[in-house]
Amino acid sequence: MTESGEPGSLRARGEEALGELAQAVVDNPVFSGALARALGAGERAASAQRQAIGALNLAAEADVERLEQRLRSFSARLEAIEDQLDDLASEMASLRRRAAGHETGEADSGDAA
């Protein structure tokens, strides 16, 4: 058996025959027409599916993804607001403690006088 790199090898002849067959299929008007009709039918089916989803008022995948992204953004904003509220609550508690300390300090100094 000859090496696969030589022009007369079985592999080279098989590749050549396969190339010729593929070219003959592509050049065949019946095959080309059938392929064009199949691709057209696929696009029409996809279009009909989009129309049916729209008619049923269902969300498309892109709509769901967009909504998911907006919800994530809203969640992040809400979390930031919660953090700010926690900080404000801590500051308010600190101010109340100081105010209570000042009131008791004034009451103690008033009792001593």
PDB file of N, CA and C in Angstrom:
ATOM      1  N   MET A   1       0.845  -1.172   0.000  1.00  0.00           N
ATOM      2  CA  MET A   1       0.000   0.000   0.000  1.00  0.00           C
ATOM      3  C   MET A   1       0.895   1.241   0.000  1.00  0.00           C
ATOM      4  N   THR A   2       0.511   2.283  -0.721  1.00  0.00           N
ATOM      5  CA  THR A   2       1.329   3.483  -0.819  1.00  0.00           C
ATOM      6  C   THR A   2       1.025   4.418   0.333  1.00  0.00           C
ATOM      7  N   GLU A   3       1.930   5.388   0.554  1.00  0.00           N
ATOM      8  CA  GLU A   3       1.719   6.339   1.639  1.00  0.00           C
ATOM      9  C   GLU A   3       0.547   7.256   1.304  1.00  0.00           C
ATOM     10  N   SER A   4      -0.072   7.797   2.350  1.00  0.00           N
ATOM     11  CA  SER A   4      -1.273   8.599   2.130  1.00  0.00           C
ATOM     12  C   SER A   4      -0.974   9.942   1.477  1.00  0.00           C
ATOM     13  N   GLY A   5       0.289  10.391   1.457  1.00  0.00           N
ATOM     14  CA  GLY A   5       0.625  11.669   0.860  1.00  0.00           C
ATOM     15  C   GLY A   5       0.795  11.619  -0.647  1.00  0.00           C
ATOM     16  N   GLU A   6       0.948  10.443  -1.245  1.00  0.00           N
ATOM     17  CA  GLU A   6       1.181  10.326  -2.680  1.00  0.00           C
ATOM     18  C   GLU A   6      -0.113  10.574  -3.448  1.00  0.00           C
ATOM     19  N   PRO A   7       0.014  11.140  -4.659  1.00  0.00           N
ATOM     20  CA  PRO A   7      -1.185  11.469  -5.441  1.00  0.00           C
ATOM     21  C   PRO A   7      -2.047  10.261  -5.783  1.00  0.00           C
ATOM     22  N   GLY A   8      -1.485   9.102  -5.966  1.00  0.00           N
ATOM     23  CA  GLY A   8      -2.254   7.935  -6.363  1.00  0.00           C
ATOM     24  C   GLY A   8      -2.778   7.129  -5.190  1.00  0.00           C
ATOM     25  N   SER A   9      -2.608   7.610  -3.988  1.00  0.00           N
ATOM     26  CA  SER A   9      -3.004   6.845  -2.806  1.00  0.00           C
ATOM     27  C   SER A   9      -4.520   6.733  -2.714  1.00  0.00           C
ATOM     28  N   LEU A  10      -4.949   5.779  -1.957  1.00  0.00           N
ATOM     29  CA  LEU A  10      -6.375   5.535  -1.755  1.00  0.00           C
ATOM     30  C   LEU A  10      -7.046   6.743  -1.115  1.00  0.00           C
ATOM     31  N   ARG A  11      -6.355   7.326  -0.147  1.00  0.00           N
ATOM     32  CA  ARG A  11      -6.919   8.493   0.540  1.00  0.00           C
ATOM     33  C   ARG A  11      -7.105   9.669  -0.422  1.00  0.00           C
ATOM     34  N   ALA A  12      -6.112   9.942  -1.231  1.00  0.00           N
ATOM     35  CA  ALA A  12      -6.191  11.062  -2.181  1.00  0.00           C
ATOM     36  C   ALA A  12      -7.305  10.820  -3.188  1.00  0.00           C
ATOM     37  N   ARG A  13      -7.425   9.581  -3.683  1.00  0.00           N
ATOM     38  CA  ARG A  13      -8.498   9.271  -4.639  1.00  0.00           C
ATOM     39  C   ARG A  13      -9.864   9.400  -3.982  1.00  0.00           C
ATOM     40  N   GLY A  14      -9.960   8.974  -2.718  1.00  0.00           N
ATOM     41  CA  GLY A  14     -11.233   9.088  -1.995  1.00  0.00           C
ATOM     42  C   GLY A  14     -11.627  10.546  -1.785  1.00  0.00           C
ATOM     43  N   GLU A  15     -10.645  11.379  -1.415  1.00  0.00           N
ATOM     44  CA  GLU A  15     -10.920  12.800  -1.232  1.00  0.00           C
ATOM     45  C   GLU A  15     -11.346  13.448  -2.539  1.00  0.00           C
ATOM     46  N   GLU A  16     -10.686  13.054  -3.624  1.00  0.00           N
ATOM     47  CA  GLU A  16     -11.036  13.608  -4.932  1.00  0.00           C
ATOM     48  C   GLU A  16     -12.451  13.191  -5.335  1.00  0.00           C
ATOM     49  N   ALA A  17     -12.789  11.929  -5.118  1.00  0.00           N
ATOM     50  CA  ALA A  17     -14.127  11.443  -5.461  1.00  0.00           C
ATOM     51  C   ALA A  17     -15.184  12.137  -4.605  1.00  0.00           C
ATOM     52  N   LEU A  18     -14.875  12.329  -3.348  1.00  0.00           N
ATOM     53  CA  LEU A  18     -15.819  13.001  -2.460  1.00  0.00           C
ATOM     54  C   LEU A  18     -16.012  14.456  -2.883  1.00  0.00           C
ATOM     55  N   GLY A  19     -14.955  15.127  -3.258  1.00  0.00           N
ATOM     56  CA  GLY A  19     -15.045  16.501  -3.748  1.00  0.00           C
ATOM     57  C   GLY A  19     -15.890  16.602  -5.003  1.00  0.00           C
ATOM     58  N   GLU A  20     -15.689  15.654  -5.922  1.00  0.00           N
ATOM     59  CA  GLU A  20     -16.478  15.642  -7.166  1.00  0.00           C
ATOM     60  C   GLU A  20     -17.952  15.393  -6.859  1.00  0.00           C
ATOM     61  N   LEU A  21     -18.225  14.477  -5.938  1.00  0.00           N
ATOM     62  CA  LEU A  21     -19.612  14.191  -5.561  1.00  0.00           C
ATOM     63  C   LEU A  21     -20.266  15.419  -4.937  1.00  0.00           C
ATOM     64  N   ALA A  22     -19.541  16.085  -4.026  1.00  0.00           N
ATOM     65  CA  ALA A  22     -20.079  17.283  -3.386  1.00  0.00           C
ATOM     66  C   ALA A  22     -20.360  18.357  -4.424  1.00  0.00           C
ATOM     67  N   GLN A  23     -19.463  18.532  -5.383  1.00  0.00           N
ATOM     68  CA  GLN A  23     -19.661  19.544  -6.424  1.00  0.00           C
ATOM     69  C   GLN A  23     -20.872  19.195  -7.286  1.00  0.00           C
ATOM     70  N   ALA A  24     -21.021  17.912  -7.606  1.00  0.00           N
ATOM     71  CA  ALA A  24     -22.167  17.482  -8.416  1.00  0.00           C
ATOM     72  C   ALA A  24     -23.472  17.737  -7.673  1.00  0.00           C
ATOM     73  N   VAL A  25     -23.492  17.500  -6.367  1.00  0.00           N
ATOM     74  CA  VAL A  25     -24.704  17.734  -5.576  1.00  0.00           C
ATOM     75  C   VAL A  25     -25.024  19.218  -5.540  1.00  0.00           C
ATOM     76  N   VAL A  26     -24.007  20.059  -5.315  1.00  0.00           N
ATOM     77  CA  VAL A  26     -24.217  21.509  -5.251  1.00  0.00           C
ATOM     78  C   VAL A  26     -24.674  22.048  -6.603  1.00  0.00           C
ATOM     79  N   ASP A  27     -24.143  21.520  -7.683  1.00  0.00           N
ATOM     80  CA  ASP A  27     -24.510  21.977  -9.025  1.00  0.00           C
ATOM     81  C   ASP A  27     -25.882  21.472  -9.461  1.00  0.00           C
ATOM     82  N   ASN A  28     -26.417  20.494  -8.781  1.00  0.00           N
ATOM     83  CA  ASN A  28     -27.707  19.907  -9.146  1.00  0.00           C
ATOM     84  C   ASN A  28     -28.822  20.911  -8.823  1.00  0.00           C
ATOM     85  N   PRO A  29     -29.595  21.327  -9.849  1.00  0.00           N
ATOM     86  CA  PRO A  29     -30.651  22.319  -9.606  1.00  0.00           C
ATOM     87  C   PRO A  29     -31.770  21.789  -8.707  1.00  0.00           C
ATOM     88  N   VAL A  30     -32.026  20.520  -8.743  1.00  0.00           N
ATOM     89  CA  VAL A  30     -33.064  19.945  -7.886  1.00  0.00           C
ATOM     90  C   VAL A  30     -32.637  20.059  -6.420  1.00  0.00           C
ATOM     91  N   PHE A  31     -31.379  19.712  -6.151  1.00  0.00           N
ATOM     92  CA  PHE A  31     -30.862  19.805  -4.784  1.00  0.00           C
ATOM     93  C   PHE A  31     -30.834  21.258  -4.314  1.00  0.00           C
ATOM     94  N   SER A  32     -30.347  22.157  -5.169  1.00  0.00           N
ATOM     95  CA  SER A  32     -30.283  23.571  -4.811  1.00  0.00           C
ATOM     96  C   SER A  32     -31.668  24.125  -4.498  1.00  0.00           C
ATOM     97  N   GLY A  33     -32.644  23.754  -5.315  1.00  0.00           N
ATOM     98  CA  GLY A  33     -34.019  24.208  -5.081  1.00  0.00           C
ATOM     99  C   GLY A  33     -34.586  23.652  -3.790  1.00  0.00           C
ATOM    100  N   ALA A  34     -34.322  22.367  -3.542  1.00  0.00           N
ATOM    101  CA  ALA A  34     -34.817  21.748  -2.305  1.00  0.00           C
ATOM    102  C   ALA A  34     -34.172  22.394  -1.083  1.00  0.00           C
ATOM    103  N   LEU A  35     -32.891  22.682  -1.176  1.00  0.00           N
ATOM    104  CA  LEU A  35     -32.195  23.327  -0.064  1.00  0.00           C
ATOM    105  C   LEU A  35     -32.752  24.726   0.174  1.00  0.00           C
ATOM    106  N   ALA A  36     -32.971  25.471  -0.896  1.00  0.00           N
ATOM    107  CA  ALA A  36     -33.524  26.824  -0.769  1.00  0.00           C
ATOM    108  C   ALA A  36     -34.923  26.773  -0.152  1.00  0.00           C
ATOM    109  N   ARG A  37     -35.745  25.817  -0.573  1.00  0.00           N
ATOM    110  CA  ARG A  37     -37.097  25.695  -0.007  1.00  0.00           C
ATOM    111  C   ARG A  37     -37.041  25.302   1.460  1.00  0.00           C
ATOM    112  N   ALA A  38     -36.120  24.418   1.813  1.00  0.00           N
ATOM    113  CA  ALA A  38     -35.988  23.992   3.211  1.00  0.00           C
ATOM    114  C   ALA A  38     -35.550  25.164   4.088  1.00  0.00           C
ATOM    115  N   LEU A  39     -34.585  25.937   3.620  1.00  0.00           N
ATOM    116  CA  LEU A  39     -34.142  27.100   4.398  1.00  0.00           C
ATOM    117  C   LEU A  39     -35.260  28.134   4.509  1.00  0.00           C
ATOM    118  N   GLY A  40     -35.985  28.339   3.427  1.00  0.00           N
ATOM    119  CA  GLY A  40     -37.119  29.273   3.452  1.00  0.00           C
ATOM    120  C   GLY A  40     -38.210  28.803   4.393  1.00  0.00           C
ATOM    121  N   ALA A  41     -38.476  27.502   4.390  1.00  0.00           N
ATOM    122  CA  ALA A  41     -39.498  26.952   5.280  1.00  0.00           C
ATOM    123  C   ALA A  41     -39.085  27.121   6.742  1.00  0.00           C
ATOM    124  N   GLY A  42     -37.806  26.938   7.013  1.00  0.00           N
ATOM    125  CA  GLY A  42     -37.325  27.122   8.384  1.00  0.00           C
ATOM    126  C   GLY A  42     -37.508  28.556   8.851  1.00  0.00           C
ATOM    127  N   GLU A  43     -37.200  29.507   7.984  1.00  0.00           N
ATOM    128  CA  GLU A  43     -37.367  30.923   8.335  1.00  0.00           C
ATOM    129  C   GLU A  43     -38.845  31.265   8.495  1.00  0.00           C
ATOM    130  N   ARG A  44     -39.690  30.724   7.631  1.00  0.00           N
ATOM    131  CA  ARG A  44     -41.139  30.980   7.765  1.00  0.00           C
ATOM    132  C   ARG A  44     -41.670  30.378   9.062  1.00  0.00           C
ATOM    133  N   ALA A  45     -41.174  29.205   9.428  1.00  0.00           N
ATOM    134  CA  ALA A  45     -41.607  28.579  10.686  1.00  0.00           C
ATOM    135  C   ALA A  45     -41.174  29.418  11.875  1.00  0.00           C
ATOM    136  N   ALA A  46     -39.963  29.945  11.845  1.00  0.00           N
ATOM    137  CA  ALA A  46     -39.486  30.794  12.940  1.00  0.00           C
ATOM    138  C   ALA A  46     -40.310  32.067  13.014  1.00  0.00           C
ATOM    139  N   SER A  47     -40.640  32.628  11.880  1.00  0.00           N
ATOM    140  CA  SER A  47     -41.462  33.835  11.848  1.00  0.00           C
ATOM    141  C   SER A  47     -42.861  33.547  12.393  1.00  0.00           C
ATOM    142  N   ALA A  48     -43.426  32.425  12.005  1.00  0.00           N
ATOM    143  CA  ALA A  48     -44.751  32.046  12.504  1.00  0.00           C
ATOM    144  C   ALA A  48     -44.718  31.825  14.015  1.00  0.00           C
ATOM    145  N   GLN A  49     -43.645  31.258  14.503  1.00  0.00           N
ATOM    146  CA  GLN A  49     -43.502  31.039  15.942  1.00  0.00           C
ATOM    147  C   GLN A  49     -43.456  32.377  16.680  1.00  0.00           C
ATOM    148  N   ARG A  50     -42.693  33.336  16.165  1.00  0.00           N
ATOM    149  CA  ARG A  50     -42.620  34.660  16.794  1.00  0.00           C
ATOM    150  C   ARG A  50     -43.989  35.327  16.796  1.00  0.00           C
ATOM    151  N   GLN A  51     -44.721  35.202  15.689  1.00  0.00           N
ATOM    152  CA  GLN A  51     -46.048  35.801  15.601  1.00  0.00           C
ATOM    153  C   GLN A  51     -47.012  35.138  16.583  1.00  0.00           C
ATOM    154  N   ALA A  52     -46.938  33.816  16.706  1.00  0.00           N
ATOM    155  CA  ALA A  52     -47.817  33.105  17.635  1.00  0.00           C
ATOM    156  C   ALA A  52     -47.525  33.505  19.074  1.00  0.00           C
ATOM    157  N   ILE A  53     -46.258  33.626  19.419  1.00  0.00           N
ATOM    158  CA  ILE A  53     -45.886  34.039  20.772  1.00  0.00           C
ATOM    159  C   ILE A  53     -46.396  35.452  21.030  1.00  0.00           C
ATOM    160  N   GLY A  54     -46.260  36.325  20.027  1.00  0.00           N
ATOM    161  CA  GLY A  54     -46.763  37.693  20.168  1.00  0.00           C
ATOM    162  C   GLY A  54     -48.273  37.719  20.294  1.00  0.00           C
ATOM    163  N   ALA A  55     -48.971  36.893  19.513  1.00  0.00           N
ATOM    164  CA  ALA A  55     -50.436  36.859  19.569  1.00  0.00           C
ATOM    165  C   ALA A  55     -50.938  36.350  20.918  1.00  0.00           C
ATOM    166  N   LEU A  56     -50.190  35.447  21.530  1.00  0.00           N
ATOM    167  CA  LEU A  56     -50.580  34.921  22.841  1.00  0.00           C
ATOM    168  C   LEU A  56     -50.115  35.830  23.978  1.00  0.00           C
ATOM    169  N   ASN A  57     -49.449  36.920  23.598  1.00  0.00           N
ATOM    170  CA  ASN A  57     -48.940  37.887  24.571  1.00  0.00           C
ATOM    171  C   ASN A  57     -47.954  37.238  25.542  1.00  0.00           C
ATOM    172  N   LEU A  58     -47.120  36.345  25.012  1.00  0.00           N
ATOM    173  CA  LEU A  58     -46.079  35.706  25.807  1.00  0.00           C
ATOM    174  C   LEU A  58     -44.756  36.430  25.566  1.00  0.00           C
ATOM    175  N   ALA A  59     -43.917  36.433  26.552  1.00  0.00           N
ATOM    176  CA  ALA A  59     -42.627  37.095  26.435  1.00  0.00           C
ATOM    177  C   ALA A  59     -41.659  36.238  25.621  1.00  0.00           C
ATOM    178  N   ALA A  60     -40.897  36.895  24.784  1.00  0.00           N
ATOM    179  CA  ALA A  60     -39.860  36.203  24.024  1.00  0.00           C
ATOM    180  C   ALA A  60     -38.634  36.064  24.920  1.00  0.00           C
ATOM    181  N   GLU A  61     -37.697  35.234  24.504  1.00  0.00           N
ATOM    182  CA  GLU A  61     -36.489  34.989  25.300  1.00  0.00           C
ATOM    183  C   GLU A  61     -35.728  36.287  25.550  1.00  0.00           C
ATOM    184  N   ALA A  62     -35.637  37.123  24.523  1.00  0.00           N
ATOM    185  CA  ALA A  62     -34.921  38.401  24.682  1.00  0.00           C
ATOM    186  C   ALA A  62     -35.621  39.281  25.714  1.00  0.00           C
ATOM    187  N   ASP A  63     -36.959  39.258  25.726  1.00  0.00           N
ATOM    188  CA  ASP A  63     -37.715  40.043  26.708  1.00  0.00           C
ATOM    189  C   ASP A  63     -37.441  39.552  28.123  1.00  0.00           C
ATOM    190  N   VAL A  64     -37.402  38.253  28.286  1.00  0.00           N
ATOM    191  CA  VAL A  64     -37.145  37.671  29.605  1.00  0.00           C
ATOM    192  C   VAL A  64     -35.729  38.015  30.068  1.00  0.00           C
ATOM    193  N   GLU A  65     -34.762  37.932  29.163  1.00  0.00           N
ATOM    194  CA  GLU A  65     -33.378  38.272  29.514  1.00  0.00           C
ATOM    195  C   GLU A  65     -33.259  39.737  29.904  1.00  0.00           C
ATOM    196  N   ARG A  66     -33.946  40.614  29.156  1.00  0.00           N
ATOM    197  CA  ARG A  66     -33.919  42.047  29.463  1.00  0.00           C
ATOM    198  C   ARG A  66     -34.549  42.309  30.828  1.00  0.00           C
ATOM    199  N   LEU A  67     -35.659  41.648  31.110  1.00  0.00           N
ATOM    200  CA  LEU A  67     -36.314  41.805  32.403  1.00  0.00           C
ATOM    201  C   LEU A  67     -35.431  41.284  33.529  1.00  0.00           C
ATOM    202  N   GLU A  68     -34.768  40.169  33.292  1.00  0.00           N
ATOM    203  CA  GLU A  68     -33.867  39.602  34.297  1.00  0.00           C
ATOM    204  C   GLU A  68     -32.734  40.579  34.616  1.00  0.00           C
ATOM    205  N   GLN A  69     -32.202  41.209  33.591  1.00  0.00           N
ATOM    206  CA  GLN A  69     -31.119  42.172  33.794  1.00  0.00           C
ATOM    207  C   GLN A  69     -31.620  43.397  34.561  1.00  0.00           C
ATOM    208  N   ARG A  70     -32.803  43.853  34.243  1.00  0.00           N
ATOM    209  CA  ARG A  70     -33.373  45.008  34.958  1.00  0.00           C
ATOM    210  C   ARG A  70     -33.644  44.665  36.411  1.00  0.00           C
ATOM    211  N   LEU A  71     -34.103  43.445  36.677  1.00  0.00           N
ATOM    212  CA  LEU A  71     -34.343  43.024  38.058  1.00  0.00           C
ATOM    213  C   LEU A  71     -33.042  42.952  38.845  1.00  0.00           C
ATOM    214  N   ARG A  72     -31.979  42.470  38.213  1.00  0.00           N
ATOM    215  CA  ARG A  72     -30.677  42.431  38.893  1.00  0.00           C
ATOM    216  C   ARG A  72     -30.210  43.841  39.232  1.00  0.00           C
ATOM    217  N   SER A  73     -30.388  44.753  38.290  1.00  0.00           N
ATOM    218  CA  SER A  73     -29.991  46.144  38.517  1.00  0.00           C
ATOM    219  C   SER A  73     -30.816  46.743  39.654  1.00  0.00           C
ATOM    220  N   PHE A  74     -32.112  46.497  39.648  1.00  0.00           N
ATOM    221  CA  PHE A  74     -32.993  46.992  40.710  1.00  0.00           C
ATOM    222  C   PHE A  74     -32.592  46.410  42.057  1.00  0.00           C
ATOM    223  N   SER A  75     -32.270  45.134  42.077  1.00  0.00           N
ATOM    224  CA  SER A  75     -31.860  44.479  43.309  1.00  0.00           C
ATOM    225  C   SER A  75     -30.585  45.104  43.865  1.00  0.00           C
ATOM    226  N   ALA A  76     -29.636  45.402  42.994  1.00  0.00           N
ATOM    227  CA  ALA A  76     -28.383  46.022  43.433  1.00  0.00           C
ATOM    228  C   ALA A  76     -28.644  47.412  43.999  1.00  0.00           C
ATOM    229  N   ARG A  77     -29.521  48.179  43.345  1.00  0.00           N
ATOM    230  CA  ARG A  77     -29.860  49.514  43.851  1.00  0.00           C
ATOM    231  C   ARG A  77     -30.561  49.428  45.194  1.00  0.00           C
ATOM    232  N   LEU A  78     -31.474  48.498  45.317  1.00  0.00           N
ATOM    233  CA  LEU A  78     -32.209  48.325  46.570  1.00  0.00           C
ATOM    234  C   LEU A  78     -31.263  47.930  47.697  1.00  0.00           C
ATOM    235  N   GLU A  79     -30.303  47.091  47.395  1.00  0.00           N
ATOM    236  CA  GLU A  79     -29.320  46.682  48.396  1.00  0.00           C
ATOM    237  C   GLU A  79     -28.485  47.877  48.848  1.00  0.00           C
ATOM    238  N   ALA A  80     -28.121  48.743  47.909  1.00  0.00           N
ATOM    239  CA  ALA A  80     -27.358  49.948  48.261  1.00  0.00           C
ATOM    240  C   ALA A  80     -28.194  50.854  49.156  1.00  0.00           C
ATOM    241  N   ILE A  81     -29.476  50.990  48.866  1.00  0.00           N
ATOM    242  CA  ILE A  81     -30.364  51.809  49.701  1.00  0.00           C
ATOM    243  C   ILE A  81     -30.488  51.207  51.100  1.00  0.00           C
ATOM    244  N   GLU A  82     -30.610  49.888  51.171  1.00  0.00           N
ATOM    245  CA  GLU A  82     -30.683  49.224  52.481  1.00  0.00           C
ATOM    246  C   GLU A  82     -29.419  49.491  53.289  1.00  0.00           C
ATOM    247  N   ASP A  83     -28.268  49.442  52.643  1.00  0.00           N
ATOM    248  CA  ASP A  83     -27.008  49.734  53.333  1.00  0.00           C
ATOM    249  C   ASP A  83     -26.992  51.167  53.851  1.00  0.00           C
ATOM    250  N   GLN A  84     -27.461  52.113  53.040  1.00  0.00           N
ATOM    251  CA  GLN A  84     -27.508  53.503  53.467  1.00  0.00           C
ATOM    252  C   GLN A  84     -28.473  53.684  54.642  1.00  0.00           C
ATOM    253  N   LEU A  85     -29.604  53.002  54.602  1.00  0.00           N
ATOM    254  CA  LEU A  85     -30.562  53.083  55.715  1.00  0.00           C
ATOM    255  C   LEU A  85     -29.958  52.507  56.995  1.00  0.00           C
ATOM    256  N   ASP A  86     -29.223  51.420  56.875  1.00  0.00           N
ATOM    257  CA  ASP A  86     -28.545  50.850  58.044  1.00  0.00           C
ATOM    258  C   ASP A  86     -27.545  51.844  58.625  1.00  0.00           C
ATOM    259  N   ASP A  87     -26.789  52.515  57.754  1.00  0.00           N
ATOM    260  CA  ASP A  87     -25.836  53.519  58.211  1.00  0.00           C
ATOM    261  C   ASP A  87     -26.550  54.667  58.916  1.00  0.00           C
ATOM    262  N   LEU A  88     -27.649  55.138  58.338  1.00  0.00           N
ATOM    263  CA  LEU A  88     -28.419  56.218  58.959  1.00  0.00           C
ATOM    264  C   LEU A  88     -28.993  55.800  60.307  1.00  0.00           C
ATOM    265  N   ALA A  89     -29.475  54.576  60.393  1.00  0.00           N
ATOM    266  CA  ALA A  89     -30.026  54.080  61.658  1.00  0.00           C
ATOM    267  C   ALA A  89     -28.931  54.031  62.725  1.00  0.00           C
ATOM    268  N   SER A  90     -27.743  53.616  62.335  1.00  0.00           N
ATOM    269  CA  SER A  90     -26.626  53.589  63.285  1.00  0.00           C
ATOM    270  C   SER A  90     -26.273  54.999  63.752  1.00  0.00           C
ATOM    271  N   GLU A  91     -26.229  55.938  62.817  1.00  0.00           N
ATOM    272  CA  GLU A  91     -25.926  57.323  63.170  1.00  0.00           C
ATOM    273  C   GLU A  91     -27.010  57.905  64.083  1.00  0.00           C
ATOM    274  N   MET A  92     -28.262  57.606  63.777  1.00  0.00           N
ATOM    275  CA  MET A  92     -29.374  58.095  64.619  1.00  0.00           C
ATOM    276  C   MET A  92     -29.264  57.512  66.024  1.00  0.00           C
ATOM    277  N   ALA A  93     -28.954  56.248  66.137  1.00  0.00           N
ATOM    278  CA  ALA A  93     -28.820  55.624  67.457  1.00  0.00           C
ATOM    279  C   ALA A  93     -27.673  56.266  68.225  1.00  0.00           C
ATOM    280  N   SER A  94     -26.584  56.564  67.522  1.00  0.00           N
ATOM    281  CA  SER A  94     -25.444  57.220  68.160  1.00  0.00           C
ATOM    282  C   SER A  94     -25.826  58.618  68.638  1.00  0.00           C
ATOM    283  N   LEU A  95     -26.540  59.358  67.811  1.00  0.00           N
ATOM    284  CA  LEU A  95     -26.986  60.706  68.211  1.00  0.00           C
ATOM    285  C   LEU A  95     -27.942  60.638  69.396  1.00  0.00           C
ATOM    286  N   ARG A  96     -28.820  59.659  69.420  1.00  0.00           N
ATOM    287  CA  ARG A  96     -29.762  59.509  70.541  1.00  0.00           C
ATOM    288  C   ARG A  96     -29.009  59.207  71.840  1.00  0.00           C
ATOM    289  N   ARG A  97     -27.993  58.335  71.732  1.00  0.00           N
ATOM    290  CA  ARG A  97     -27.193  58.026  72.931  1.00  0.00           C
ATOM    291  C   ARG A  97     -26.488  59.269  73.449  1.00  0.00           C
ATOM    292  N   ARG A  98     -25.928  60.066  72.522  1.00  0.00           N
ATOM    293  CA  ARG A  98     -25.256  61.305  72.932  1.00  0.00           C
ATOM    294  C   ARG A  98     -26.243  62.274  73.575  1.00  0.00           C
ATOM    295  N   ALA A  99     -27.411  62.398  72.937  1.00  0.00           N
ATOM    296  CA  ALA A  99     -28.423  63.310  73.482  1.00  0.00           C
ATOM    297  C   ALA A  99     -28.881  62.842  74.851  1.00  0.00           C
ATOM    298  N   ALA A 100     -29.057  61.537  75.010  1.00  0.00           N
ATOM    299  CA  ALA A 100     -29.467  60.998  76.314  1.00  0.00           C
ATOM    300  C   ALA A 100     -28.365  61.225  77.338  1.00  0.00           C
ATOM    301  N   GLY A 101     -27.113  61.121  76.905  1.00  0.00           N
ATOM    302  CA  GLY A 101     -25.987  61.368  77.806  1.00  0.00           C
ATOM    303  C   GLY A 101     -25.927  62.814  78.231  1.00  0.00           C
ATOM    304  N   HIS A 102     -26.200  63.715  77.317  1.00  0.00           N
ATOM    305  CA  HIS A 102     -26.198  65.142  77.653  1.00  0.00           C
ATOM    306  C   HIS A 102     -27.342  65.473  78.614  1.00  0.00           C
ATOM    307  N   GLU A 103     -28.504  64.876  78.390  1.00  0.00           N
ATOM    308  CA  GLU A 103     -29.656  65.143  79.263  1.00  0.00           C
ATOM    309  C   GLU A 103     -29.390  64.636  80.677  1.00  0.00           C
ATOM    310  N   THR A 104     -28.814  63.446  80.790  1.00  0.00           N
ATOM    311  CA  THR A 104     -28.522  62.923  82.129  1.00  0.00           C
ATOM    312  C   THR A 104     -27.409  63.717  82.771  1.00  0.00           C
ATOM    313  N   GLY A 105     -26.464  64.208  81.980  1.00  0.00           N
ATOM    314  CA  GLY A 105     -25.384  65.051  82.507  1.00  0.00           C
ATOM    315  C   GLY A 105     -25.927  66.366  83.009  1.00  0.00           C
ATOM    316  N   GLU A 106     -26.870  66.946  82.319  1.00  0.00           N
ATOM    317  CA  GLU A 106     -27.481  68.209  82.742  1.00  0.00           C
ATOM    318  C   GLU A 106     -28.334  67.984  83.975  1.00  0.00           C
ATOM    319  N   ALA A 107     -29.029  66.840  84.007  1.00  0.00           N
ATOM    320  CA  ALA A 107     -29.870  66.550  85.172  1.00  0.00           C
ATOM    321  C   ALA A 107     -28.996  66.339  86.401  1.00  0.00           C
ATOM    322  N   ASP A 108     -27.856  65.658  86.230  1.00  0.00           N
ATOM    323  CA  ASP A 108     -26.953  65.417  87.356  1.00  0.00           C
ATOM    324  C   ASP A 108     -26.365  66.732  87.846  1.00  0.00           C
ATOM    325  N   SER A 109     -25.975  67.640  86.940  1.00  0.00           N
ATOM    326  CA  SER A 109     -25.391  68.913  87.362  1.00  0.00           C
ATOM    327  C   SER A 109     -26.444  69.807  87.983  1.00  0.00           C
ATOM    328  N   GLY A 110     -27.695  69.675  87.570  1.00  0.00           N
ATOM    329  CA  GLY A 110     -28.792  70.451  88.165  1.00  0.00           C
ATOM    330  C   GLY A 110     -29.116  69.973  89.554  1.00  0.00           C
ATOM    331  N   ASP A 111     -28.955  68.680  89.824  1.00  0.00           N
ATOM    332  CA  ASP A 111     -29.234  68.126  91.145  1.00  0.00           C
ATOM    333  C   ASP A 111     -28.143  68.547  92.122  1.00  0.00           C
ATOM    334  N   ALA A 112     -26.919  68.709  91.625  1.00  0.00           N
ATOM    335  CA  ALA A 112     -25.810  69.051  92.497  1.00  0.00           C
ATOM    336  C   ALA A 112     -25.884  70.515  92.919  1.00  0.00           C
ATOM    337  N   ALA A 113     -26.528  71.354  92.177  1.00  0.00           N
ATOM    338  CA  ALA A 113     -26.581  72.777  92.480  1.00  0.00           C
ATOM    339  C   ALA A 113     -27.585  73.070  93.474  1.00  0.00           C
TER     340      ALA A 113
END
